[in-house]
Structures are given as structure tokens and as C-alpha cells.
Amino acid sequence: DSTGDVGYYTSIAIGDNGNPIISYLDFTNGYLKVAACANVNCTGTSEITTVDSTANVGGYTSIAIGDSGNPIISYLDGTNGDLKVAAMWHLGLPQ
């Protein structure tokens, strides 16, 4: 992801397919984003998903892969000072 000022507060996990999944803050927009790498070296085109586009979210991300094989991300809602969690069915579709 190279659109704007991105890549803050990153966290990485390895998906069931062996490829890295990275959560991070898009500082330009204040969004939480996730990049699913196309291969184990994270080269090529990654699938980038905006998980939460409420203003000023995505700080201090932490990602894990749940028992279902789907990403679960905890992160800061900077506007309200709250902890938020996004459980994703599969990349692109927050639960």
C-alpha cells in the first residue's frame, strides 16, 4: 500500500495459506487497513482491505488468526478512546 501516509502501528500474522497478513493504520485517512500478501515473501500485488473507515481508528493494531482461520484484529478508536475488535469472515468482509 503506497497511497498516502500508510503503514503505522503494523502487526503481522501468517494466514492458513502461509502468506503474511498485515494490519496497519492509514494515517492519511485515519483508517484501519489489512494487506493480505500474495505470496510468502509479500511481493507482487497484495489484497488491501479497509476494515474500519470511521475517522481516527487503527492505532496500535494487533492481529491474530482465529480457530476458523480468519483474521481477528484489535485496535484503538482514537476519537473515542475505545478498544475495538474486527473479526473477519474472510478478507474484504468484516464481521
N, C-alpha and C. Protein backbone atom coordinates (compact mmCIF):
# COMPACT_ATOMS: atom_id res chain seq x y z
N ASP A 1 0.87 -1.17 0.00
CA ASP A 1 0.00 0.00 0.00
C ASP A 1 0.91 1.22 0.00
N SER A 2 0.76 2.06 -0.97
CA SER A 2 1.59 3.25 -1.05
C SER A 2 0.76 4.50 -1.31
N THR A 3 -0.54 4.41 -1.02
CA THR A 3 -1.42 5.54 -1.23
C THR A 3 -1.49 6.36 0.06
N GLY A 4 -0.86 7.51 0.06
CA GLY A 4 -0.86 8.36 1.24
C GLY A 4 0.21 7.94 2.23
N ASP A 5 0.02 8.35 3.47
CA ASP A 5 0.94 8.07 4.57
C ASP A 5 0.42 6.85 5.30
N VAL A 6 0.91 5.68 4.97
CA VAL A 6 0.37 4.41 5.48
C VAL A 6 1.46 3.57 6.13
N GLY A 7 1.03 2.57 6.89
CA GLY A 7 1.97 1.61 7.46
C GLY A 7 2.31 1.84 8.92
N TYR A 8 1.52 2.61 9.63
CA TYR A 8 1.78 2.85 11.04
C TYR A 8 1.16 1.74 11.90
N TYR A 9 1.76 1.48 13.05
CA TYR A 9 1.24 0.54 14.04
C TYR A 9 0.95 -0.83 13.42
N THR A 10 1.89 -1.36 12.68
CA THR A 10 1.70 -2.63 12.00
C THR A 10 1.71 -3.81 12.95
N SER A 11 1.00 -4.84 12.52
CA SER A 11 1.03 -6.13 13.20
C SER A 11 0.92 -7.18 12.11
N ILE A 12 1.60 -8.32 12.29
CA ILE A 12 1.65 -9.34 11.24
C ILE A 12 1.30 -10.71 11.81
N ALA A 13 0.61 -11.49 11.00
CA ALA A 13 0.30 -12.89 11.33
C ALA A 13 0.44 -13.68 10.03
N ILE A 14 0.60 -14.97 10.17
CA ILE A 14 0.69 -15.84 9.00
C ILE A 14 -0.66 -16.52 8.82
N GLY A 15 -1.23 -16.35 7.62
CA GLY A 15 -2.53 -16.95 7.32
C GLY A 15 -2.43 -18.45 7.09
N ASP A 16 -3.56 -19.10 6.98
CA ASP A 16 -3.62 -20.55 6.76
C ASP A 16 -2.91 -20.96 5.48
N ASN A 17 -2.81 -20.06 4.52
CA ASN A 17 -2.14 -20.36 3.25
C ASN A 17 -0.62 -20.14 3.33
N GLY A 18 -0.13 -19.72 4.51
CA GLY A 18 1.30 -19.49 4.70
C GLY A 18 1.76 -18.10 4.35
N ASN A 19 0.86 -17.26 3.87
CA ASN A 19 1.21 -15.90 3.47
C ASN A 19 0.95 -14.91 4.61
N PRO A 20 1.77 -13.89 4.72
CA PRO A 20 1.57 -12.87 5.76
C PRO A 20 0.28 -12.07 5.56
N ILE A 21 -0.31 -11.69 6.68
CA ILE A 21 -1.44 -10.76 6.71
C ILE A 21 -1.03 -9.65 7.67
N ILE A 22 -1.12 -8.41 7.21
CA ILE A 22 -0.61 -7.28 7.97
C ILE A 22 -1.72 -6.28 8.23
N SER A 23 -1.92 -5.92 9.50
CA SER A 23 -2.86 -4.85 9.84
C SER A 23 -2.05 -3.60 10.11
N TYR A 24 -2.65 -2.43 9.78
CA TYR A 24 -1.91 -1.18 9.94
C TYR A 24 -2.85 0.02 9.87
N LEU A 25 -2.32 1.15 10.31
CA LEU A 25 -3.04 2.42 10.26
C LEU A 25 -2.71 3.16 8.97
N ASP A 26 -3.74 3.57 8.26
CA ASP A 26 -3.62 4.51 7.14
C ASP A 26 -3.72 5.90 7.78
N PHE A 27 -2.57 6.50 8.06
CA PHE A 27 -2.52 7.77 8.80
C PHE A 27 -3.19 8.89 8.03
N THR A 28 -3.09 8.90 6.71
CA THR A 28 -3.68 9.95 5.89
C THR A 28 -5.18 10.06 6.13
N ASN A 29 -5.87 8.93 6.17
CA ASN A 29 -7.33 8.91 6.31
C ASN A 29 -7.81 8.55 7.71
N GLY A 30 -6.93 8.02 8.56
CA GLY A 30 -7.34 7.58 9.89
C GLY A 30 -8.12 6.29 9.86
N TYR A 31 -7.76 5.38 8.94
CA TYR A 31 -8.47 4.12 8.75
C TYR A 31 -7.62 2.94 9.20
N LEU A 32 -8.28 1.86 9.60
CA LEU A 32 -7.62 0.58 9.81
C LEU A 32 -7.65 -0.19 8.51
N LYS A 33 -6.48 -0.67 8.06
CA LYS A 33 -6.40 -1.45 6.83
C LYS A 33 -5.70 -2.77 7.08
N VAL A 34 -5.94 -3.71 6.17
CA VAL A 34 -5.29 -5.02 6.21
C VAL A 34 -4.76 -5.32 4.81
N ALA A 35 -3.54 -5.83 4.76
CA ALA A 35 -2.96 -6.28 3.50
C ALA A 35 -2.74 -7.79 3.59
N ALA A 36 -3.32 -8.54 2.66
CA ALA A 36 -3.09 -9.98 2.56
C ALA A 36 -2.07 -10.18 1.45
N CYS A 37 -0.90 -10.65 1.80
CA CYS A 37 0.17 -10.81 0.83
C CYS A 37 -0.15 -11.90 -0.18
N ALA A 38 0.34 -11.70 -1.40
CA ALA A 38 0.08 -12.64 -2.49
C ALA A 38 0.96 -13.88 -2.42
N ASN A 39 2.07 -13.79 -1.65
CA ASN A 39 2.96 -14.93 -1.51
C ASN A 39 3.73 -14.79 -0.20
N VAL A 40 4.55 -15.80 0.13
CA VAL A 40 5.25 -15.79 1.42
C VAL A 40 6.25 -14.66 1.56
N ASN A 41 6.75 -14.14 0.45
CA ASN A 41 7.70 -13.03 0.50
C ASN A 41 7.03 -11.66 0.46
N CYS A 42 5.72 -11.66 0.35
CA CYS A 42 4.92 -10.43 0.30
C CYS A 42 5.35 -9.54 -0.86
N THR A 43 5.65 -10.17 -1.99
CA THR A 43 5.95 -9.45 -3.22
C THR A 43 4.74 -9.59 -4.13
N GLY A 44 4.68 -8.80 -5.15
CA GLY A 44 3.52 -8.84 -6.03
C GLY A 44 2.41 -7.99 -5.47
N THR A 45 1.21 -8.21 -5.95
CA THR A 45 0.06 -7.40 -5.56
C THR A 45 -0.65 -8.01 -4.36
N SER A 46 -0.69 -7.27 -3.27
CA SER A 46 -1.41 -7.70 -2.07
C SER A 46 -2.86 -7.26 -2.16
N GLU A 47 -3.75 -8.02 -1.51
CA GLU A 47 -5.15 -7.62 -1.41
C GLU A 47 -5.26 -6.68 -0.22
N ILE A 48 -5.61 -5.42 -0.47
CA ILE A 48 -5.69 -4.41 0.59
C ILE A 48 -7.16 -4.11 0.86
N THR A 49 -7.53 -4.20 2.14
CA THR A 49 -8.91 -4.00 2.56
C THR A 49 -8.97 -2.93 3.64
N THR A 50 -9.89 -1.98 3.51
CA THR A 50 -10.17 -1.04 4.59
C THR A 50 -11.16 -1.72 5.52
N VAL A 51 -10.74 -1.98 6.74
CA VAL A 51 -11.55 -2.70 7.71
C VAL A 51 -12.49 -1.76 8.45
N ASP A 52 -11.98 -0.59 8.83
CA ASP A 52 -12.78 0.40 9.57
C ASP A 52 -12.42 1.77 9.04
N SER A 53 -13.42 2.49 8.54
CA SER A 53 -13.18 3.82 7.98
C SER A 53 -13.81 4.92 8.81
N THR A 54 -14.14 4.61 10.06
CA THR A 54 -14.57 5.65 10.99
C THR A 54 -13.34 6.51 11.29
N ALA A 55 -13.49 7.79 11.33
CA ALA A 55 -12.34 8.69 11.49
C ALA A 55 -11.50 8.34 12.71
N ASN A 56 -10.18 8.40 12.53
CA ASN A 56 -9.19 8.26 13.60
C ASN A 56 -9.25 6.90 14.30
N VAL A 57 -9.20 5.83 13.51
CA VAL A 57 -9.13 4.47 14.05
C VAL A 57 -7.91 3.76 13.46
N GLY A 58 -7.50 2.68 14.06
CA GLY A 58 -6.45 1.85 13.50
C GLY A 58 -5.11 1.94 14.19
N GLY A 59 -5.02 2.71 15.27
CA GLY A 59 -3.76 2.78 16.00
C GLY A 59 -3.54 1.51 16.82
N TYR A 60 -2.28 1.19 17.04
CA TYR A 60 -1.87 0.09 17.91
C TYR A 60 -2.54 -1.24 17.54
N THR A 61 -2.50 -1.60 16.29
CA THR A 61 -3.14 -2.83 15.84
C THR A 61 -2.44 -4.07 16.38
N SER A 62 -3.23 -5.11 16.56
CA SER A 62 -2.71 -6.43 16.90
C SER A 62 -3.56 -7.44 16.16
N ILE A 63 -2.93 -8.30 15.37
CA ILE A 63 -3.66 -9.26 14.55
C ILE A 63 -3.32 -10.68 14.97
N ALA A 64 -4.31 -11.53 14.91
CA ALA A 64 -4.14 -12.96 15.18
C ALA A 64 -5.03 -13.72 14.21
N ILE A 65 -4.72 -14.98 14.01
CA ILE A 65 -5.56 -15.84 13.18
C ILE A 65 -6.37 -16.71 14.13
N GLY A 66 -7.70 -16.62 14.02
CA GLY A 66 -8.58 -17.39 14.89
C GLY A 66 -8.65 -18.85 14.50
N ASP A 67 -9.34 -19.65 15.33
CA ASP A 67 -9.50 -21.08 15.07
C ASP A 67 -10.13 -21.35 13.71
N SER A 68 -10.94 -20.41 13.23
CA SER A 68 -11.60 -20.56 11.94
C SER A 68 -10.66 -20.28 10.77
N GLY A 69 -9.46 -19.78 11.07
CA GLY A 69 -8.52 -19.41 10.03
C GLY A 69 -8.66 -17.98 9.56
N ASN A 70 -9.57 -17.24 10.17
CA ASN A 70 -9.85 -15.85 9.77
C ASN A 70 -9.13 -14.86 10.69
N PRO A 71 -8.73 -13.71 10.14
CA PRO A 71 -8.05 -12.70 10.95
C PRO A 71 -8.98 -12.05 11.98
N ILE A 72 -8.41 -11.78 13.14
CA ILE A 72 -9.09 -11.03 14.20
C ILE A 72 -8.12 -9.91 14.59
N ILE A 73 -8.61 -8.68 14.58
CA ILE A 73 -7.74 -7.52 14.80
C ILE A 73 -8.29 -6.68 15.94
N SER A 74 -7.44 -6.36 16.90
CA SER A 74 -7.80 -5.37 17.92
C SER A 74 -7.06 -4.09 17.58
N TYR A 75 -7.69 -2.95 17.90
CA TYR A 75 -7.10 -1.66 17.53
C TYR A 75 -7.76 -0.54 18.31
N LEU A 76 -7.12 0.62 18.28
CA LEU A 76 -7.59 1.80 19.02
C LEU A 76 -8.54 2.64 18.18
N ASP A 77 -9.66 3.01 18.78
CA ASP A 77 -10.54 4.05 18.24
C ASP A 77 -10.06 5.34 18.90
N GLY A 78 -9.23 6.09 18.19
CA GLY A 78 -8.60 7.29 18.75
C GLY A 78 -9.57 8.41 19.06
N THR A 79 -10.69 8.48 18.35
CA THR A 79 -11.67 9.53 18.58
C THR A 79 -12.35 9.35 19.93
N ASN A 80 -12.72 8.11 20.23
CA ASN A 80 -13.48 7.83 21.46
C ASN A 80 -12.63 7.23 22.57
N GLY A 81 -11.38 6.91 22.28
CA GLY A 81 -10.52 6.30 23.29
C GLY A 81 -10.95 4.90 23.65
N ASP A 82 -11.51 4.17 22.68
CA ASP A 82 -12.03 2.83 22.93
C ASP A 82 -11.19 1.77 22.22
N LEU A 83 -11.25 0.57 22.76
CA LEU A 83 -10.69 -0.60 22.11
C LEU A 83 -11.74 -1.17 21.18
N LYS A 84 -11.34 -1.48 19.95
CA LYS A 84 -12.27 -2.10 19.00
C LYS A 84 -11.67 -3.42 18.52
N VAL A 85 -12.56 -4.32 18.08
CA VAL A 85 -12.14 -5.61 17.55
C VAL A 85 -12.89 -5.85 16.25
N ALA A 86 -12.17 -6.29 15.23
CA ALA A 86 -12.77 -6.66 13.96
C ALA A 86 -12.46 -8.13 13.71
N ALA A 87 -13.50 -8.94 13.61
CA ALA A 87 -13.36 -10.34 13.24
C ALA A 87 -13.82 -10.45 11.79
N MET A 88 -12.95 -10.99 10.96
CA MET A 88 -13.24 -11.01 9.53
C MET A 88 -13.59 -12.44 9.08
N TRP A 89 -14.68 -12.56 8.34
CA TRP A 89 -15.05 -13.87 7.79
C TRP A 89 -14.01 -14.30 6.79
N HIS A 90 -13.66 -13.43 5.93
CA HIS A 90 -12.53 -13.58 5.01
C HIS A 90 -12.15 -12.18 4.60
N LEU A 91 -10.97 -12.04 4.07
CA LEU A 91 -10.50 -10.69 3.76
C LEU A 91 -11.51 -9.97 2.88
N GLY A 92 -11.79 -8.76 3.25
CA GLY A 92 -12.73 -7.95 2.49
C GLY A 92 -14.11 -7.86 3.13
N LEU A 93 -14.41 -8.76 4.07
CA LEU A 93 -15.74 -8.75 4.66
C LEU A 93 -15.67 -8.78 6.18
N PRO A 94 -15.57 -7.61 6.82
CA PRO A 94 -15.57 -7.57 8.28
C PRO A 94 -16.87 -8.14 8.83
N GLN A 95 -16.78 -8.82 9.95
CA GLN A 95 -17.95 -9.41 10.59
C GLN A 95 -18.56 -8.41 11.53
